[in-house]
Structures are given as structure tokens and as C-alpha cells.
Protein backbone atom coordinates (compact mmCIF):
# COMPACT_ATOMS: atom_id res chain seq x y z
CA UNK A 1 -50.08 22.11 -35.45
CA UNK A 2 -47.38 20.52 -37.44
CA UNK A 3 -44.23 19.42 -35.31
CA UNK A 4 -40.59 19.16 -36.12
CA UNK A 5 -37.59 18.54 -33.91
CA UNK A 6 -34.10 17.57 -33.46
CA UNK A 7 -33.16 14.63 -32.09
CA UNK A 8 -28.83 13.85 -30.76
CA UNK A 9 -26.77 15.06 -27.34
CA UNK A 10 -25.78 17.02 -26.46
CA UNK A 11 -27.89 19.99 -28.55
CA UNK A 12 -26.28 22.47 -26.68
CA UNK A 13 -24.30 23.46 -30.10
CA UNK A 14 -26.88 23.14 -32.25
CA UNK A 15 -28.22 26.10 -34.37
CA UNK A 16 -31.67 23.86 -35.54
CA UNK A 17 -34.39 24.81 -33.79
CA UNK A 18 -32.87 28.89 -33.99
CA UNK A 19 -32.86 28.45 -38.15
CA UNK A 20 -36.50 26.75 -38.21
CA UNK A 21 -37.98 29.16 -35.75
CA UNK A 22 -36.77 32.30 -37.34
CA UNK A 23 -37.41 30.37 -40.98
CA UNK A 24 -41.32 30.18 -39.61
CA UNK A 25 -41.64 33.84 -38.48
CA UNK A 26 -39.86 34.70 -41.48
CA UNK A 27 -42.34 32.95 -44.36
CA UNK A 28 -45.51 33.62 -42.32
CA UNK A 29 -45.70 29.56 -41.49
CA UNK A 30 -48.22 30.23 -38.42
CA UNK A 31 -48.97 26.14 -38.08
CA UNK A 32 -45.24 24.64 -37.74
CA UNK A 33 -43.20 24.73 -34.69
CA UNK A 34 -39.69 22.89 -33.79
CA UNK A 35 -38.13 21.78 -30.82
CA UNK A 36 -34.53 20.66 -29.67
CA UNK A 37 -35.74 16.53 -28.51
CA UNK A 38 -32.07 16.11 -26.15
CA UNK A 39 -32.02 12.26 -25.70
CA UNK A 40 -28.73 10.47 -24.77
CA UNK A 41 -29.81 7.03 -26.44
CA UNK A 42 -32.45 5.95 -28.50
CA UNK A 43 -34.19 3.56 -25.79
CA UNK A 44 -37.37 6.23 -25.79
CA UNK A 45 -37.24 7.01 -29.53
CA UNK A 46 -40.70 5.49 -30.61
CA UNK A 47 -42.10 6.37 -27.72
CA UNK A 48 -41.28 9.86 -28.15
CA UNK A 49 -43.06 9.25 -32.05
CA UNK A 50 -45.54 7.81 -30.93
CA UNK A 51 -46.46 10.16 -27.56
CA UNK A 52 -47.48 13.35 -30.07
CA UNK A 53 -49.39 12.77 -33.50
CA UNK A 54 -48.32 16.21 -34.21
CA UNK A 55 -44.87 15.31 -34.75
CA UNK A 56 -44.22 15.41 -38.44
CA UNK A 57 -40.20 15.47 -38.48
CA UNK A 58 -37.04 14.86 -37.16
CA UNK A 59 -33.59 15.85 -38.10
CA UNK A 60 -30.99 13.25 -36.65
CA UNK A 61 -27.76 14.42 -35.28
CA UNK A 62 -24.52 13.09 -33.32
CA UNK A 63 -24.37 10.59 -32.04
CA UNK A 64 -27.47 8.78 -33.93
CA UNK A 65 -27.03 9.01 -37.72
CA UNK A 66 -26.54 5.50 -38.32
CA UNK A 67 -28.38 3.57 -35.19
CA UNK A 68 -31.63 5.00 -36.41
CA UNK A 69 -31.82 3.04 -39.36
CA UNK A 70 -32.69 0.17 -37.21
CA UNK A 71 -36.60 1.99 -36.57
CA UNK A 72 -36.83 2.63 -40.14
CA UNK A 73 -39.60 1.35 -41.96
CA UNK A 74 -38.74 3.04 -45.39
CA UNK A 75 -35.23 4.44 -46.09
CA UNK A 76 -33.93 6.40 -49.40
CA UNK A 77 -31.81 4.38 -51.57
CA UNK A 78 -28.71 7.42 -51.27
CA UNK A 79 -29.23 7.41 -47.54
CA UNK A 80 -29.24 3.54 -47.54
CA UNK A 81 -25.57 3.66 -49.31
CA UNK A 82 -24.25 6.03 -47.10
CA UNK A 83 -25.45 4.23 -44.22
CA UNK A 84 -26.67 7.20 -42.35
CA UNK A 85 -29.68 9.21 -42.06
CA UNK A 86 -30.48 12.74 -40.75
CA UNK A 87 -34.05 13.66 -41.45
CA UNK A 88 -37.01 11.72 -40.71
CA UNK A 89 -40.10 12.15 -42.41
CA UNK A 90 -43.45 10.37 -40.38
CA UNK A 91 -46.48 9.65 -41.60
CA UNK A 92 -49.52 8.51 -40.62
CA UNK A 93 -51.25 6.27 -43.01
CA UNK A 94 -54.63 4.64 -41.23
CA UNK A 95 -53.75 5.43 -37.49
CA UNK A 96 -49.55 3.28 -38.01
CA UNK A 97 -46.72 5.23 -37.76
CA UNK A 98 -44.44 5.00 -40.54
CA UNK A 99 -41.03 6.20 -40.53
CA UNK A 100 -39.01 7.10 -44.01
CA UNK A 101 -35.46 8.21 -43.51
CA UNK A 102 -33.35 9.87 -45.88
CA UNK A 103 -30.12 11.52 -46.05
CA UNK A 104 -30.16 16.00 -46.05
CA UNK A 105 -26.41 16.31 -45.08
CA UNK A 106 -25.56 14.67 -48.78
CA UNK A 107 -27.44 18.54 -50.31
CA UNK A 108 -25.41 20.33 -47.89
CA UNK A 109 -22.26 19.60 -48.39
CA UNK A 110 -22.38 19.39 -52.19
CA UNK A 111 -23.94 22.77 -52.01
CA UNK A 112 -21.07 24.01 -50.20
CA UNK A 113 -18.50 22.22 -51.84
CA UNK A 114 -19.28 22.98 -55.48
CA UNK A 115 -17.65 26.10 -55.48
CA UNK A 116 -14.44 25.13 -53.88
CA UNK A 117 -13.78 22.01 -56.18
CA UNK A 118 -11.32 22.71 -58.50
CA UNK A 119 -9.82 21.04 -61.42
CA UNK A 120 -6.59 20.39 -59.34
CA UNK A 121 -8.01 19.47 -56.28
CA UNK A 122 -7.82 15.37 -56.86
CA UNK A 123 -7.63 14.11 -52.56
CA UNK A 124 -9.26 14.84 -49.87
CA UNK A 125 -8.36 13.78 -46.22
CA UNK A 126 -11.56 12.93 -44.50
CA UNK A 127 -11.34 14.00 -40.88
CA UNK A 128 -13.66 10.75 -39.05
CA UNK A 129 -15.79 8.03 -39.22
CA UNK A 130 -18.84 8.64 -38.16
CA UNK A 131 -22.25 9.18 -39.83
CA UNK A 132 -21.59 12.60 -41.58
CA UNK A 133 -18.06 11.17 -42.86
CA UNK A 134 -20.18 8.66 -44.55
CA UNK A 135 -22.17 11.43 -46.13
CA UNK A 136 -19.23 13.26 -47.11
CA UNK A 137 -17.45 10.53 -48.64
CA UNK A 138 -20.43 9.73 -50.84
CA UNK A 139 -20.62 12.91 -52.76
CA UNK A 140 -16.29 13.96 -52.54
CA UNK A 141 -16.27 10.67 -54.41
CA UNK A 142 -19.59 11.68 -56.96
CA UNK A 143 -17.02 14.27 -57.36
CA UNK A 144 -13.77 11.95 -58.59
CA UNK A 145 -11.61 12.65 -55.77
CA UNK A 146 -9.87 10.03 -53.88
CA UNK A 147 -10.39 10.33 -50.58
CA UNK A 148 -8.58 8.84 -47.23
CA UNK A 149 -10.08 8.63 -44.04
CA UNK A 150 -8.43 9.24 -40.95
CA UNK A 151 -9.93 7.68 -37.30
CA UNK A 152 -8.10 8.04 -33.36
CA UNK A 153 -8.93 4.12 -33.71
CA UNK A 154 -7.32 1.18 -35.47
CA UNK A 155 -9.13 0.65 -38.38
CA UNK A 156 -9.07 -1.51 -41.67
CA UNK A 157 -8.30 1.59 -44.39
CA UNK A 158 -8.62 3.94 -42.30
CA UNK A 159 -5.21 6.19 -41.44
CA UNK A 160 -4.83 7.29 -37.53
CA UNK A 161 -3.48 10.56 -36.88
CA UNK A 162 -0.11 9.11 -36.09
CA UNK A 163 0.11 8.15 -40.07
CA UNK A 164 -0.86 11.64 -41.48
CA UNK A 165 2.71 13.04 -42.01
CA UNK A 166 3.75 15.91 -44.30
CA UNK A 167 3.34 13.85 -47.41
CA UNK A 168 0.47 12.95 -46.90
CA UNK A 169 -0.89 16.28 -45.71
CA UNK A 170 0.75 17.60 -49.23
CA UNK A 171 -0.65 15.50 -51.17
CA UNK A 172 -4.10 15.61 -49.88
CA UNK A 173 -5.20 19.53 -51.06
CA UNK A 174 -8.77 18.96 -49.54
CA UNK A 175 -8.91 18.44 -45.31
CA UNK A 176 -12.87 18.05 -44.27
CA UNK A 177 -13.39 17.55 -40.17
CA UNK A 178 -16.47 15.81 -39.17
CA UNK A 179 -16.15 14.88 -36.25
CA UNK A 180 -17.19 17.48 -33.27
CA UNK A 181 -14.26 18.65 -32.32
CA UNK A 182 -13.53 22.22 -31.68
CA UNK A 183 -17.47 22.29 -31.40
CA UNK A 184 -18.72 24.79 -28.71
CA UNK A 185 -18.52 24.34 -26.00
CA UNK A 186 -15.22 23.05 -26.09
CA UNK A 187 -14.14 25.87 -29.16
CA UNK A 188 -10.40 25.58 -28.24
CA UNK A 189 -9.96 21.33 -29.99
CA UNK A 190 -9.21 20.33 -32.98
CA UNK A 191 -7.49 17.04 -34.97
CA UNK A 192 -4.35 16.59 -34.02
CA UNK A 193 -2.13 17.29 -37.61
CA UNK A 194 0.62 19.13 -38.62
CA UNK A 195 -0.98 22.00 -39.67
CA UNK A 196 2.24 23.88 -40.10
CA UNK A 197 2.68 21.93 -43.78
CA UNK A 198 -0.31 23.61 -44.71
CA UNK A 199 -0.06 26.01 -47.12
CA UNK A 200 -2.32 28.26 -49.70
CA UNK A 201 -2.89 25.26 -51.73
CA UNK A 202 -5.09 23.86 -49.43
CA UNK A 203 -9.17 23.60 -48.61
CA UNK A 204 -9.93 23.55 -45.09
CA UNK A 205 -13.94 22.42 -44.33
CA UNK A 206 -15.22 22.38 -40.70
CA UNK A 207 -18.56 20.99 -40.61
CA UNK A 208 -18.75 22.13 -37.29
CA UNK A 209 -21.03 25.89 -37.52
CA UNK A 210 -20.78 26.70 -33.65
CA UNK A 211 -18.28 28.21 -33.47
CA UNK A 212 -18.97 29.92 -37.13
CA UNK A 213 -14.75 29.78 -37.10
CA UNK A 214 -13.56 26.62 -35.82
CA UNK A 215 -9.43 26.53 -34.21
CA UNK A 216 -9.32 24.50 -36.60
CA UNK A 217 -10.30 26.89 -39.65
CA UNK A 218 -8.47 29.45 -37.62
CA UNK A 219 -4.99 27.48 -38.19
CA UNK A 220 -5.68 27.27 -41.91
CA UNK A 221 -6.15 31.38 -41.83
CA UNK A 222 -2.90 30.86 -40.59
CA UNK A 223 -1.22 29.68 -43.10
CA UNK A 224 -3.08 30.78 -45.83
CA UNK A 225 -5.31 27.98 -46.95
CA UNK A 226 -8.67 28.31 -48.20
CA UNK A 227 -11.96 28.29 -44.86
CA UNK A 228 -15.42 27.24 -45.25
CA UNK A 229 -17.13 27.14 -42.14
CA UNK A 230 -20.04 24.54 -41.55
CA UNK A 231 -23.12 27.47 -41.12
CA UNK A 232 -23.53 27.43 -45.00
CA UNK A 233 -24.22 23.41 -45.11
CA UNK A 234 -27.11 23.90 -42.11
CA UNK A 235 -28.66 26.13 -43.50
CA UNK A 236 -29.37 23.86 -47.45
CA UNK A 237 -29.47 20.95 -45.32
CA UNK A 238 -32.02 22.24 -43.15
CA UNK A 239 -33.72 23.83 -46.56
CA UNK A 240 -33.72 20.07 -47.87
CA UNK A 241 -35.17 18.51 -44.88
CA UNK A 242 -38.64 21.24 -45.32
CA UNK A 243 -38.75 19.99 -48.94
CA UNK A 244 -38.55 15.86 -47.95
CA UNK A 245 -41.14 16.94 -44.79
CA UNK A 246 -43.70 19.04 -47.47
CA UNK A 247 -43.16 16.97 -50.61
CA UNK A 248 -45.53 14.22 -50.49
CA UNK A 249 -44.50 12.46 -53.27
CA UNK A 250 -41.20 11.33 -51.54
């Protein structure tokens, strides 16, 4: 039995196990399983990997997408440039464990955003500065957009929420939430921006997919914005993960 799973904390919001379990059933893949591994820290990560020789691959989610890198033997150049890994491929040549890191979020973000990137979309506001934010910024810059980051904390070259005035909101047609705000079970939370400034020229993309329609996106609907749920990104990055785990050349 080949085993795969998800590492992060908490995992109550995650649909990954459901997605892969249904995939295995619908595609008649009988020799695979997918489990959640809720870890509050990575102290026991290597023990987890070494204790089960059937474990072939892992997805990595909040808050470990950057911290996991220190355990890897190899890292894909794209993931290294981003500074975040959400897919780990596990091999055991000659009984030695080798961990190879990738970033499938890039594929998920690209596939999700591509239909919405109009010629008039020049600027993007990215809310949050974690591992998912790094992948988002990487894709946006490949699209040729100018990116501004927003954080609760004061950081060099990063706006604070109190800095995001109406002029900044009007200038940035694309606004992306990469924070956990609005994620189940805290579905009433959302980034603190002036939503009344938004209009039909804005596009709101939320990486949170549970619930599919977050408070952030609901506010966008009220203002006539185009909205993008994180559910398509989830499916796209999951399929890329599966490709990585099963491609011997990767």
C-alpha cells in the first residue's frame, strides 16, 4: 500500500484527504491511501517519515511551507526561488530516505488566475506574507503585474493594513487573500480593508477554500467585484502533487 498525506496544523479545514480518497475511488486506484498528520511543530517530522516505509509523499500546509525546507535533501529550483514547499516526494534508494521538495501551489495559482488576468489588470495587492503569499507573488510577477504586499506586522517594503487607503485599493485591480482569515471554523473573519471602495473593476481571489464563499468574497460580491474561490486552486495543485509523486523523472 502506497501512502500519502498532509502535514500542518490545524487540519480541520482541509479537504485534501477527502479529495484524494474520492480520487482513488473514482479512478479505481486500489493500492493508495491518504491521511492527515496534524503536527503542532516539526520536531517529529523525520520520525514520521522513517517509521512508515510505505509513505511516498506529503503535502505541506500552514504553517510549515517554509520551515520544511531545512529537512530536504533536494529542492526544485522554482520552489527554492519562492522559498516555500508544499509537496515532498519521498524515495528510499538503497534504504536511505531522500526528501525532494516542490511547490505545486504555483500550478494551482496560475491555472486559477489565468482566465481572469485582463489587459487592464496591472497591479495586485497580496494580503499576507507567508509561504502561500510567496507562491502568489512569484506567479503574479511572471504575469507581469506589479505586486504590493500587506501584513499585520511592520516589515521592510511591506504595507500594513492601516496603510491601505482608498487610493491604493483603487489602483490595485486584483486583491488576493493568502492569510487564514475566514477559514473554517473562524468563518466570520476577513482582512481589514475598506471594502466599500471596491467596485466591478476589482477581482478578489481567496486562497481559503473552506468555506468556498468566504466573508472576504461575500464583501466583494456586495460591491460587484469578480470573485475567485480557492477551490479550483486546491484541485489543480492536488493533481500536480499526484503528478510529482508518480513521475520518476521528477
